[in-house]
């Protein structure tokens, strides 16, 4: 398979293929057996994916914390390729009490989460450590300060943020260098475009990691029946999901997509999307189309 298009990940970080692997589906409800999950990760890396995105809370509940990180560590340990070519991005700042999703941005909690992630990943330094989401009960500067401390101590190589605004990005940049921002972006949810986050990151040279790039959950199932997307897909000999991934990638020279996959077929489809060329009219057609979130 031909090499994937690459972009700069962010300040001081390497160039990487524009399509990464989002690990969450392999560890939450409905996850495949471990052997299947590891094979999917192997096939994704064999096909050229080099950014693996995970989080300590990609799991079932508080008893299962670190499941996805441990899974990725086992996949890397048994992969025949060059481990040094893979960049692992994980996150801290959320907790999973009894399966719920809650925020915890306290510096002490973030430090403890980072230590657990280091152990789960079996490494001395995490490539990219991202704040999963701001905690409204904790001063944002205090949370980011904890990330800066972890970076200064050599426990993390680069700092990233997730689910943040332009104002929060700038507040964080006054404390430490921000290499990436991971926010949601797909045709159903365009706030990262409308609120200027993608454009601001592009101007600052910060990589933008688009999560849920095909809509996530139930919404991605609507895409094959969407008239505009289906028409473009048919003409280009691609799937609807590949077209939408290509549309997301068209939104900035700094944009990466990190779709999840539970099967080899879905992972390889995401790889193909990286090289799919949409025409300007195609992009404008999707821009102008309505994507209903209704059930």
C-alpha atoms as a PDB file:
ATOM      1  CA  UNK A   1       0.000   0.000   0.000  1.00  0.00           C
ATOM      2  CA  UNK A   2       1.326   3.450  -0.909  1.00  0.00           C
ATOM      3  CA  UNK A   3       2.452   5.767   1.857  1.00  0.00           C
ATOM      4  CA  UNK A   4      -0.138   8.050   3.373  1.00  0.00           C
ATOM      5  CA  UNK A   5      -0.065  11.837   3.059  1.00  0.00           C
ATOM      6  CA  UNK A   6       1.669  13.431   6.049  1.00  0.00           C
ATOM      7  CA  UNK A   7       1.404  16.687   7.965  1.00  0.00           C
ATOM      8  CA  UNK A   8       3.279  18.319  10.824  1.00  0.00           C
ATOM      9  CA  UNK A   9       1.720  17.203  14.090  1.00  0.00           C
ATOM     10  CA  UNK A  10       2.618  20.397  15.918  1.00  0.00           C
ATOM     11  CA  UNK A  11       5.479  22.497  17.321  1.00  0.00           C
ATOM     12  CA  UNK A  12       8.539  20.310  17.844  1.00  0.00           C
ATOM     13  CA  UNK A  13       6.624  17.151  16.921  1.00  0.00           C
ATOM     14  CA  UNK A  14       7.198  14.983  13.822  1.00  0.00           C
ATOM     15  CA  UNK A  15       5.339  14.702  10.555  1.00  0.00           C
ATOM     16  CA  UNK A  16       2.775  11.915  10.666  1.00  0.00           C
ATOM     17  CA  UNK A  17       0.213  10.348   8.328  1.00  0.00           C
ATOM     18  CA  UNK A  18      -3.037  12.327   8.376  1.00  0.00           C
ATOM     19  CA  UNK A  19      -5.123   9.341   9.454  1.00  0.00           C
ATOM     20  CA  UNK A  20      -4.592   7.980  12.951  1.00  0.00           C
ATOM     21  CA  UNK A  21      -6.369   5.278  14.922  1.00  0.00           C
ATOM     22  CA  UNK A  22      -8.927   6.128  17.603  1.00  0.00           C
ATOM     23  CA  UNK A  23      -8.829   3.341  20.168  1.00  0.00           C
ATOM     24  CA  UNK A  24     -12.059   3.870  22.097  1.00  0.00           C
ATOM     25  CA  UNK A  25     -14.310   1.344  20.242  1.00  0.00           C
ATOM     26  CA  UNK A  26     -11.902  -1.461  21.126  1.00  0.00           C
ATOM     27  CA  UNK A  27     -12.445  -1.021  24.864  1.00  0.00           C
ATOM     28  CA  UNK A  28     -15.974   0.200  25.581  1.00  0.00           C
ATOM     29  CA  UNK A  29     -19.274  -1.699  25.503  1.00  0.00           C
ATOM     30  CA  UNK A  30     -19.420  -3.934  22.439  1.00  0.00           C
ATOM     31  CA  UNK A  31     -15.652  -4.292  22.249  1.00  0.00           C
ATOM     32  CA  UNK A  32     -14.196  -7.252  20.370  1.00  0.00           C
ATOM     33  CA  UNK A  33     -12.158 -10.041  21.910  1.00  0.00           C
ATOM     34  CA  UNK A  34      -8.591  -9.037  22.683  1.00  0.00           C
ATOM     35  CA  UNK A  35      -7.034 -11.134  19.922  1.00  0.00           C
ATOM     36  CA  UNK A  36      -9.334  -9.525  17.366  1.00  0.00           C
ATOM     37  CA  UNK A  37      -8.617  -6.036  18.694  1.00  0.00           C
ATOM     38  CA  UNK A  38      -4.855  -6.582  18.534  1.00  0.00           C
ATOM     39  CA  UNK A  39      -5.135  -7.882  14.979  1.00  0.00           C
ATOM     40  CA  UNK A  40      -7.087  -4.764  13.963  1.00  0.00           C
ATOM     41  CA  UNK A  41      -4.351  -2.581  15.453  1.00  0.00           C
ATOM     42  CA  UNK A  42      -1.672  -4.593  13.665  1.00  0.00           C
ATOM     43  CA  UNK A  43      -3.462  -4.250  10.338  1.00  0.00           C
ATOM     44  CA  UNK A  44      -3.935  -0.500  10.867  1.00  0.00           C
ATOM     45  CA  UNK A  45      -0.222  -0.022  11.548  1.00  0.00           C
ATOM     46  CA  UNK A  46       0.735  -2.314   8.666  1.00  0.00           C
ATOM     47  CA  UNK A  47      -1.381  -0.082   6.410  1.00  0.00           C
ATOM     48  CA  UNK A  48       0.475   3.054   7.480  1.00  0.00           C
ATOM     49  CA  UNK A  49      -1.243   4.493  10.544  1.00  0.00           C
ATOM     50  CA  UNK A  50       1.357   5.907  12.913  1.00  0.00           C
ATOM     51  CA  UNK A  51      -0.695   7.879  15.449  1.00  0.00           C
ATOM     52  CA  UNK A  52      -2.560   5.756  17.999  1.00  0.00           C
ATOM     53  CA  UNK A  53      -4.963   7.772  20.153  1.00  0.00           C
ATOM     54  CA  UNK A  54      -6.094   6.312  23.458  1.00  0.00           C
ATOM     55  CA  UNK A  55      -7.123   7.380  26.973  1.00  0.00           C
ATOM     56  CA  UNK A  56      -7.096   5.876  30.438  1.00  0.00           C
ATOM     57  CA  UNK A  57     -10.905   6.035  30.515  1.00  0.00           C
ATOM     58  CA  UNK A  58     -11.426   4.050  27.314  1.00  0.00           C
ATOM     59  CA  UNK A  59     -12.768   1.162  29.331  1.00  0.00           C
ATOM     60  CA  UNK A  60     -15.991  -0.129  30.909  1.00  0.00           C
ATOM     61  CA  UNK A  61     -15.790   1.471  34.361  1.00  0.00           C
ATOM     62  CA  UNK A  62     -13.421   2.424  37.197  1.00  0.00           C
ATOM     63  CA  UNK A  63     -12.390  -1.217  37.652  1.00  0.00           C
ATOM     64  CA  UNK A  64     -11.235  -1.360  34.037  1.00  0.00           C
ATOM     65  CA  UNK A  65      -9.171   1.860  33.874  1.00  0.00           C
ATOM     66  CA  UNK A  66      -6.324   1.666  31.371  1.00  0.00           C
ATOM     67  CA  UNK A  67      -7.830  -1.169  29.301  1.00  0.00           C
ATOM     68  CA  UNK A  68      -7.217   0.504  25.955  1.00  0.00           C
ATOM     69  CA  UNK A  69      -3.727   1.636  26.916  1.00  0.00           C
ATOM     70  CA  UNK A  70      -2.786  -1.911  27.948  1.00  0.00           C
ATOM     71  CA  UNK A  71      -4.300  -3.233  24.728  1.00  0.00           C
ATOM     72  CA  UNK A  72      -2.213  -0.868  22.626  1.00  0.00           C
ATOM     73  CA  UNK A  73       0.917  -1.769  24.594  1.00  0.00           C
ATOM     74  CA  UNK A  74       0.327  -5.469  23.878  1.00  0.00           C
ATOM     75  CA  UNK A  75      -0.353  -4.743  20.204  1.00  0.00           C
ATOM     76  CA  UNK A  76       2.892  -2.814  19.891  1.00  0.00           C
ATOM     77  CA  UNK A  77       4.872  -5.485  21.729  1.00  0.00           C
ATOM     78  CA  UNK A  78       3.707  -8.138  19.240  1.00  0.00           C
ATOM     79  CA  UNK A  79       3.826  -6.023  16.068  1.00  0.00           C
ATOM     80  CA  UNK A  80       6.441  -6.926  13.483  1.00  0.00           C
ATOM     81  CA  UNK A  81       6.972  -3.314  12.430  1.00  0.00           C
ATOM     82  CA  UNK A  82       9.180  -0.525  13.766  1.00  0.00           C
ATOM     83  CA  UNK A  83       7.860   0.487  17.204  1.00  0.00           C
ATOM     84  CA  UNK A  84       9.813   3.741  17.094  1.00  0.00           C
ATOM     85  CA  UNK A  85       7.687   4.903  14.137  1.00  0.00           C
ATOM     86  CA  UNK A  86       4.506   4.856  16.251  1.00  0.00           C
ATOM     87  CA  UNK A  87       3.385   7.844  18.316  1.00  0.00           C
ATOM     88  CA  UNK A  88       1.068   7.104  21.238  1.00  0.00           C
ATOM     89  CA  UNK A  89      -1.306   9.837  22.378  1.00  0.00           C
ATOM     90  CA  UNK A  90      -3.236   9.292  25.588  1.00  0.00           C
ATOM     91  CA  UNK A  91      -5.338  11.477  27.871  1.00  0.00           C
ATOM     92  CA  UNK A  92      -6.052  12.225  31.511  1.00  0.00           C
ATOM     93  CA  UNK A  93      -8.593  14.324  33.339  1.00  0.00           C
ATOM     94  CA  UNK A  94     -11.676  12.105  33.363  1.00  0.00           C
ATOM     95  CA  UNK A  95     -12.836   9.255  35.597  1.00  0.00           C
ATOM     96  CA  UNK A  96     -15.332   6.377  35.161  1.00  0.00           C
ATOM     97  CA  UNK A  97     -17.093   5.732  38.500  1.00  0.00           C
ATOM     98  CA  UNK A  98     -19.475   2.814  37.915  1.00  0.00           C
ATOM     99  CA  UNK A  99     -19.300   3.418  34.174  1.00  0.00           C
ATOM    100  CA  UNK A 100     -20.254   7.098  34.193  1.00  0.00           C
ATOM    101  CA  UNK A 101     -18.084   9.768  32.553  1.00  0.00           C
ATOM    102  CA  UNK A 102     -16.969  12.518  34.943  1.00  0.00           C
ATOM    103  CA  UNK A 103     -14.282  15.198  34.922  1.00  0.00           C
ATOM    104  CA  UNK A 104     -11.384  15.414  37.346  1.00  0.00           C
ATOM    105  CA  UNK A 105      -8.852  18.076  36.482  1.00  0.00           C
ATOM    106  CA  UNK A 106      -7.265  18.395  39.915  1.00  0.00           C
ATOM    107  CA  UNK A 107      -3.470  18.508  39.572  1.00  0.00           C
ATOM    108  CA  UNK A 108      -2.931  15.621  41.992  1.00  0.00           C
ATOM    109  CA  UNK A 109      -5.480  13.482  40.165  1.00  0.00           C
ATOM    110  CA  UNK A 110      -3.945  14.291  36.782  1.00  0.00           C
ATOM    111  CA  UNK A 111      -0.488  13.378  38.047  1.00  0.00           C
ATOM    112  CA  UNK A 112      -1.781  10.051  39.415  1.00  0.00           C
ATOM    113  CA  UNK A 113      -3.551   9.367  36.110  1.00  0.00           C
ATOM    114  CA  UNK A 114      -0.343  10.042  34.193  1.00  0.00           C
ATOM    115  CA  UNK A 115       1.574   7.606  36.387  1.00  0.00           C
ATOM    116  CA  UNK A 116      -1.073   4.925  35.775  1.00  0.00           C
ATOM    117  CA  UNK A 117      -0.887   5.569  32.030  1.00  0.00           C
ATOM    118  CA  UNK A 118       2.887   5.257  32.045  1.00  0.00           C
ATOM    119  CA  UNK A 119       2.522   1.862  33.713  1.00  0.00           C
ATOM    120  CA  UNK A 120      -0.302   0.716  31.432  1.00  0.00           C
ATOM    121  CA  UNK A 121       1.629   1.696  28.309  1.00  0.00           C
ATOM    122  CA  UNK A 122       4.829   0.161  29.663  1.00  0.00           C
ATOM    123  CA  UNK A 123       6.901   3.248  28.959  1.00  0.00           C
ATOM    124  CA  UNK A 124       9.013   5.828  30.768  1.00  0.00           C
ATOM    125  CA  UNK A 125       7.663   8.755  28.758  1.00  0.00           C
ATOM    126  CA  UNK A 126       4.315   9.345  27.043  1.00  0.00           C
ATOM    127  CA  UNK A 127       4.671  10.844  23.567  1.00  0.00           C
ATOM    128  CA  UNK A 128       1.587  13.067  23.656  1.00  0.00           C
ATOM    129  CA  UNK A 129      -0.381  13.553  26.859  1.00  0.00           C
ATOM    130  CA  UNK A 130      -3.677  15.383  26.429  1.00  0.00           C
ATOM    131  CA  UNK A 131      -6.045  16.961  28.910  1.00  0.00           C
ATOM    132  CA  UNK A 132      -9.246  15.069  28.129  1.00  0.00           C
ATOM    133  CA  UNK A 133     -11.538  17.991  28.938  1.00  0.00           C
ATOM    134  CA  UNK A 134     -11.450  21.058  31.195  1.00  0.00           C
ATOM    135  CA  UNK A 135     -12.932  20.610  34.663  1.00  0.00           C
ATOM    136  CA  UNK A 136     -15.175  23.582  35.532  1.00  0.00           C
ATOM    137  CA  UNK A 137     -14.570  23.010  39.252  1.00  0.00           C
ATOM    138  CA  UNK A 138     -10.792  23.458  38.901  1.00  0.00           C
ATOM    139  CA  UNK A 139      -8.927  26.540  37.688  1.00  0.00           C
ATOM    140  CA  UNK A 140      -7.865  25.766  34.128  1.00  0.00           C
ATOM    141  CA  UNK A 141      -4.426  27.232  34.743  1.00  0.00           C
ATOM    142  CA  UNK A 142      -3.895  24.833  37.645  1.00  0.00           C
ATOM    143  CA  UNK A 143      -4.762  21.828  35.487  1.00  0.00           C
ATOM    144  CA  UNK A 144      -2.516  22.952  32.642  1.00  0.00           C
ATOM    145  CA  UNK A 145       0.210  23.716  35.170  1.00  0.00           C
ATOM    146  CA  UNK A 146       0.165  20.073  36.196  1.00  0.00           C
ATOM    147  CA  UNK A 147       0.740  19.090  32.564  1.00  0.00           C
ATOM    148  CA  UNK A 148       3.635  21.542  32.350  1.00  0.00           C
ATOM    149  CA  UNK A 149       5.162  20.015  35.482  1.00  0.00           C
ATOM    150  CA  UNK A 150       4.868  16.499  34.066  1.00  0.00           C
ATOM    151  CA  UNK A 151       6.522  17.670  30.866  1.00  0.00           C
ATOM    152  CA  UNK A 152       9.346  19.362  32.799  1.00  0.00           C
ATOM    153  CA  UNK A 153       9.916  16.113  34.708  1.00  0.00           C
ATOM    154  CA  UNK A 154      10.257  14.165  31.465  1.00  0.00           C
ATOM    155  CA  UNK A 155       7.166  12.029  31.989  1.00  0.00           C
ATOM    156  CA  UNK A 156       5.493  13.400  28.854  1.00  0.00           C
ATOM    157  CA  UNK A 157       7.088  14.586  25.632  1.00  0.00           C
ATOM    158  CA  UNK A 158       4.368  16.920  24.313  1.00  0.00           C
ATOM    159  CA  UNK A 159       1.242  18.517  25.794  1.00  0.00           C
ATOM    160  CA  UNK A 160      -2.138  18.397  24.074  1.00  0.00           C
ATOM    161  CA  UNK A 161      -5.605  19.685  24.918  1.00  0.00           C
ATOM    162  CA  UNK A 162      -9.036  18.311  24.102  1.00  0.00           C
ATOM    163  CA  UNK A 163     -12.526  19.824  24.070  1.00  0.00           C
ATOM    164  CA  UNK A 164     -11.242  23.377  24.424  1.00  0.00           C
ATOM    165  CA  UNK A 165     -12.025  26.854  23.107  1.00  0.00           C
ATOM    166  CA  UNK A 166      -9.695  29.368  21.476  1.00  0.00           C
ATOM    167  CA  UNK A 167      -9.557  31.276  24.751  1.00  0.00           C
ATOM    168  CA  UNK A 168      -8.524  28.155  26.669  1.00  0.00           C
ATOM    169  CA  UNK A 169      -5.876  27.318  24.082  1.00  0.00           C
ATOM    170  CA  UNK A 170      -4.342  30.753  24.530  1.00  0.00           C
ATOM    171  CA  UNK A 171      -4.532  30.542  28.314  1.00  0.00           C
ATOM    172  CA  UNK A 172      -2.712  27.212  28.167  1.00  0.00           C
ATOM    173  CA  UNK A 173      -0.075  28.549  25.762  1.00  0.00           C
ATOM    174  CA  UNK A 174       0.872  31.167  28.337  1.00  0.00           C
ATOM    175  CA  UNK A 175       1.838  28.269  30.625  1.00  0.00           C
ATOM    176  CA  UNK A 176       3.334  25.686  28.277  1.00  0.00           C
ATOM    177  CA  UNK A 177       3.619  24.899  24.590  1.00  0.00           C
ATOM    178  CA  UNK A 178       0.497  23.266  23.185  1.00  0.00           C
ATOM    179  CA  UNK A 179       1.313  20.812  20.401  1.00  0.00           C
ATOM    180  CA  UNK A 180      -2.157  19.486  19.545  1.00  0.00           C
ATOM    181  CA  UNK A 181      -5.838  20.178  20.114  1.00  0.00           C
ATOM    182  CA  UNK A 182      -8.362  17.352  19.861  1.00  0.00           C
ATOM    183  CA  UNK A 183     -11.958  18.483  19.373  1.00  0.00           C
ATOM    184  CA  UNK A 184     -14.964  16.953  17.655  1.00  0.00           C
ATOM    185  CA  UNK A 185     -15.408  17.706  13.956  1.00  0.00           C
ATOM    186  CA  UNK A 186     -17.756  16.115  11.456  1.00  0.00           C
ATOM    187  CA  UNK A 187     -20.567  17.313   9.149  1.00  0.00           C
ATOM    188  CA  UNK A 188     -23.125  16.962  11.960  1.00  0.00           C
ATOM    189  CA  UNK A 189     -21.065  18.944  14.495  1.00  0.00           C
ATOM    190  CA  UNK A 190     -19.025  21.832  13.079  1.00  0.00           C
ATOM    191  CA  UNK A 191     -18.386  23.924  16.188  1.00  0.00           C
ATOM    192  CA  UNK A 192     -14.620  23.508  15.793  1.00  0.00           C
ATOM    193  CA  UNK A 193     -14.963  25.374  12.490  1.00  0.00           C
ATOM    194  CA  UNK A 194     -17.674  27.826  13.540  1.00  0.00           C
ATOM    195  CA  UNK A 195     -15.897  28.818  16.775  1.00  0.00           C
ATOM    196  CA  UNK A 196     -12.566  29.291  15.038  1.00  0.00           C
ATOM    197  CA  UNK A 197     -10.633  26.554  16.825  1.00  0.00           C
ATOM    198  CA  UNK A 198      -9.375  24.832  13.655  1.00  0.00           C
ATOM    199  CA  UNK A 199      -8.335  28.125  12.052  1.00  0.00           C
ATOM    200  CA  UNK A 200      -6.642  29.334  15.228  1.00  0.00           C
ATOM    201  CA  UNK A 201      -4.678  26.110  15.582  1.00  0.00           C
ATOM    202  CA  UNK A 202      -3.652  26.269  11.937  1.00  0.00           C
ATOM    203  CA  UNK A 203      -2.381  29.842  12.392  1.00  0.00           C
ATOM    204  CA  UNK A 204      -0.345  28.792  15.449  1.00  0.00           C
ATOM    205  CA  UNK A 205       1.019  25.618  13.844  1.00  0.00           C
ATOM    206  CA  UNK A 206      -0.888  23.422  16.310  1.00  0.00           C
ATOM    207  CA  UNK A 207      -2.092  20.047  15.055  1.00  0.00           C
ATOM    208  CA  UNK A 208      -5.869  19.569  15.143  1.00  0.00           C
ATOM    209  CA  UNK A 209      -7.005  15.997  15.844  1.00  0.00           C
ATOM    210  CA  UNK A 210     -10.611  15.560  14.735  1.00  0.00           C
ATOM    211  CA  UNK A 211     -12.409  13.007  16.881  1.00  0.00           C
ATOM    212  CA  UNK A 212     -15.733  11.428  15.852  1.00  0.00           C
ATOM    213  CA  UNK A 213     -14.897  12.482  12.263  1.00  0.00           C
ATOM    214  CA  UNK A 214     -17.784  10.523  10.743  1.00  0.00           C
ATOM    215  CA  UNK A 215     -20.306  11.423  13.435  1.00  0.00           C
ATOM    216  CA  UNK A 216     -19.779   8.733  16.041  1.00  0.00           C
ATOM    217  CA  UNK A 217     -22.424   6.437  17.527  1.00  0.00           C
ATOM    218  CA  UNK A 218     -25.646   6.352  15.556  1.00  0.00           C
ATOM    219  CA  UNK A 219     -24.976   9.351  13.292  1.00  0.00           C
ATOM    220  CA  UNK A 220     -22.369   7.706  11.066  1.00  0.00           C
ATOM    221  CA  UNK A 221     -25.036   5.216   9.983  1.00  0.00           C
ATOM    222  CA  UNK A 222     -26.894   8.072   8.271  1.00  0.00           C
ATOM    223  CA  UNK A 223     -24.055   8.864   5.870  1.00  0.00           C
ATOM    224  CA  UNK A 224     -24.589   6.169   3.191  1.00  0.00           C
ATOM    225  CA  UNK A 225     -28.147   7.457   2.714  1.00  0.00           C
ATOM    226  CA  UNK A 226     -27.215  11.130   2.616  1.00  0.00           C
ATOM    227  CA  UNK A 227     -27.950  12.316  -0.938  1.00  0.00           C
ATOM    228  CA  UNK A 228     -24.970  14.652  -1.304  1.00  0.00           C
ATOM    229  CA  UNK A 229     -22.423  12.320   0.263  1.00  0.00           C
ATOM    230  CA  UNK A 230     -23.747   9.247  -1.544  1.00  0.00           C
ATOM    231  CA  UNK A 231     -23.551  11.011  -4.908  1.00  0.00           C
ATOM    232  CA  UNK A 232     -19.934  12.029  -4.377  1.00  0.00           C
ATOM    233  CA  UNK A 233     -19.038   8.577  -3.092  1.00  0.00           C
ATOM    234  CA  UNK A 234     -20.579   6.891  -6.125  1.00  0.00           C
ATOM    235  CA  UNK A 235     -18.714   9.141  -8.541  1.00  0.00           C
ATOM    236  CA  UNK A 236     -15.371   8.651  -6.825  1.00  0.00           C
ATOM    237  CA  UNK A 237     -15.771   4.922  -6.196  1.00  0.00           C
ATOM    238  CA  UNK A 238     -15.453   5.464  -2.456  1.00  0.00           C
ATOM    239  CA  UNK A 239     -17.607   4.849   0.595  1.00  0.00           C
ATOM    240  CA  UNK A 240     -19.654   7.579   2.242  1.00  0.00           C
ATOM    241  CA  UNK A 241     -17.433   7.399   5.305  1.00  0.00           C
ATOM    242  CA  UNK A 242     -14.294   7.846   3.202  1.00  0.00           C
ATOM    243  CA  UNK A 243     -15.815  10.927   1.577  1.00  0.00           C
ATOM    244  CA  UNK A 244     -16.625  12.473   4.948  1.00  0.00           C
ATOM    245  CA  UNK A 245     -13.150  11.750   6.308  1.00  0.00           C
ATOM    246  CA  UNK A 246     -11.674  13.447   3.236  1.00  0.00           C
ATOM    247  CA  UNK A 247     -13.992  16.435   3.824  1.00  0.00           C
ATOM    248  CA  UNK A 248     -12.774  16.758   7.423  1.00  0.00           C
ATOM    249  CA  UNK A 249      -9.157  16.605   6.245  1.00  0.00           C
ATOM    250  CA  UNK A 250      -9.876  19.405   3.755  1.00  0.00           C
ATOM    251  CA  UNK A 251     -10.682  21.822   6.575  1.00  0.00           C
ATOM    252  CA  UNK A 252      -7.106  22.797   7.380  1.00  0.00           C
ATOM    253  CA  UNK A 253      -3.495  21.999   6.599  1.00  0.00           C
ATOM    254  CA  UNK A 254      -3.129  21.017  10.265  1.00  0.00           C
ATOM    255  CA  UNK A 255      -6.098  18.611  10.464  1.00  0.00           C
ATOM    256  CA  UNK A 256      -5.741  14.915  11.265  1.00  0.00           C
ATOM    257  CA  UNK A 257      -8.581  12.399  11.631  1.00  0.00           C
ATOM    258  CA  UNK A 258      -8.622   9.673  14.275  1.00  0.00           C
ATOM    259  CA  UNK A 259     -11.561   7.407  13.405  1.00  0.00           C
ATOM    260  CA  UNK A 260     -12.125   4.299  15.456  1.00  0.00           C
ATOM    261  CA  UNK A 261     -12.531   0.790  14.087  1.00  0.00           C
ATOM    262  CA  UNK A 262     -13.520  -2.614  15.422  1.00  0.00           C
ATOM    263  CA  UNK A 263     -12.726  -4.446  12.193  1.00  0.00           C
ATOM    264  CA  UNK A 264      -9.852  -4.598   9.731  1.00  0.00           C
ATOM    265  CA  UNK A 265     -12.183  -3.496   6.919  1.00  0.00           C
ATOM    266  CA  UNK A 266     -13.138  -0.278   8.700  1.00  0.00           C
ATOM    267  CA  UNK A 267      -9.522   0.501   9.587  1.00  0.00           C
ATOM    268  CA  UNK A 268      -8.369   0.017   5.989  1.00  0.00           C
ATOM    269  CA  UNK A 269     -11.260   2.127   4.723  1.00  0.00           C
ATOM    270  CA  UNK A 270     -10.048   4.990   6.910  1.00  0.00           C
ATOM    271  CA  UNK A 271      -6.557   4.576   5.457  1.00  0.00           C
ATOM    272  CA  UNK A 272      -7.922   4.848   1.917  1.00  0.00           C
ATOM    273  CA  UNK A 273      -9.704   8.078   2.812  1.00  0.00           C
ATOM    274  CA  UNK A 274      -6.369   9.783   3.431  1.00  0.00           C
ATOM    275  CA  UNK A 275      -5.591   9.713  -0.287  1.00  0.00           C
ATOM    276  CA  UNK A 276      -9.098  10.494  -1.536  1.00  0.00           C
ATOM    277  CA  UNK A 277      -9.109  13.758  -3.467  1.00  0.00           C
ATOM    278  CA  UNK A 278     -12.307  15.786  -3.234  1.00  0.00           C
ATOM    279  CA  UNK A 279     -12.879  18.545  -5.743  1.00  0.00           C
ATOM    280  CA  UNK A 280     -13.612  22.075  -4.552  1.00  0.00           C
ATOM    281  CA  UNK A 281     -17.226  21.611  -5.663  1.00  0.00           C
ATOM    282  CA  UNK A 282     -17.463  18.435  -3.581  1.00  0.00           C
ATOM    283  CA  UNK A 283     -16.238  20.247  -0.489  1.00  0.00           C
ATOM    284  CA  UNK A 284     -18.623  23.145  -1.071  1.00  0.00           C
ATOM    285  CA  UNK A 285     -21.536  20.753  -1.582  1.00  0.00           C
ATOM    286  CA  UNK A 286     -20.912  19.090   1.776  1.00  0.00           C
ATOM    287  CA  UNK A 287     -20.359  22.493   3.373  1.00  0.00           C
ATOM    288  CA  UNK A 288     -23.786  23.620   2.200  1.00  0.00           C
ATOM    289  CA  UNK A 289     -25.661  20.394   2.952  1.00  0.00           C
ATOM    290  CA  UNK A 290     -27.813  19.801   5.998  1.00  0.00           C
ATOM    291  CA  UNK A 291     -26.917  16.822   8.176  1.00  0.00           C
ATOM    292  CA  UNK A 292     -29.791  15.979  10.489  1.00  0.00           C
ATOM    293  CA  UNK A 293     -29.072  14.657  13.966  1.00  0.00           C
ATOM    294  CA  UNK A 294     -32.669  13.504  14.369  1.00  0.00           C
ATOM    295  CA  UNK A 295     -33.254   9.860  15.124  1.00  0.00           C
END
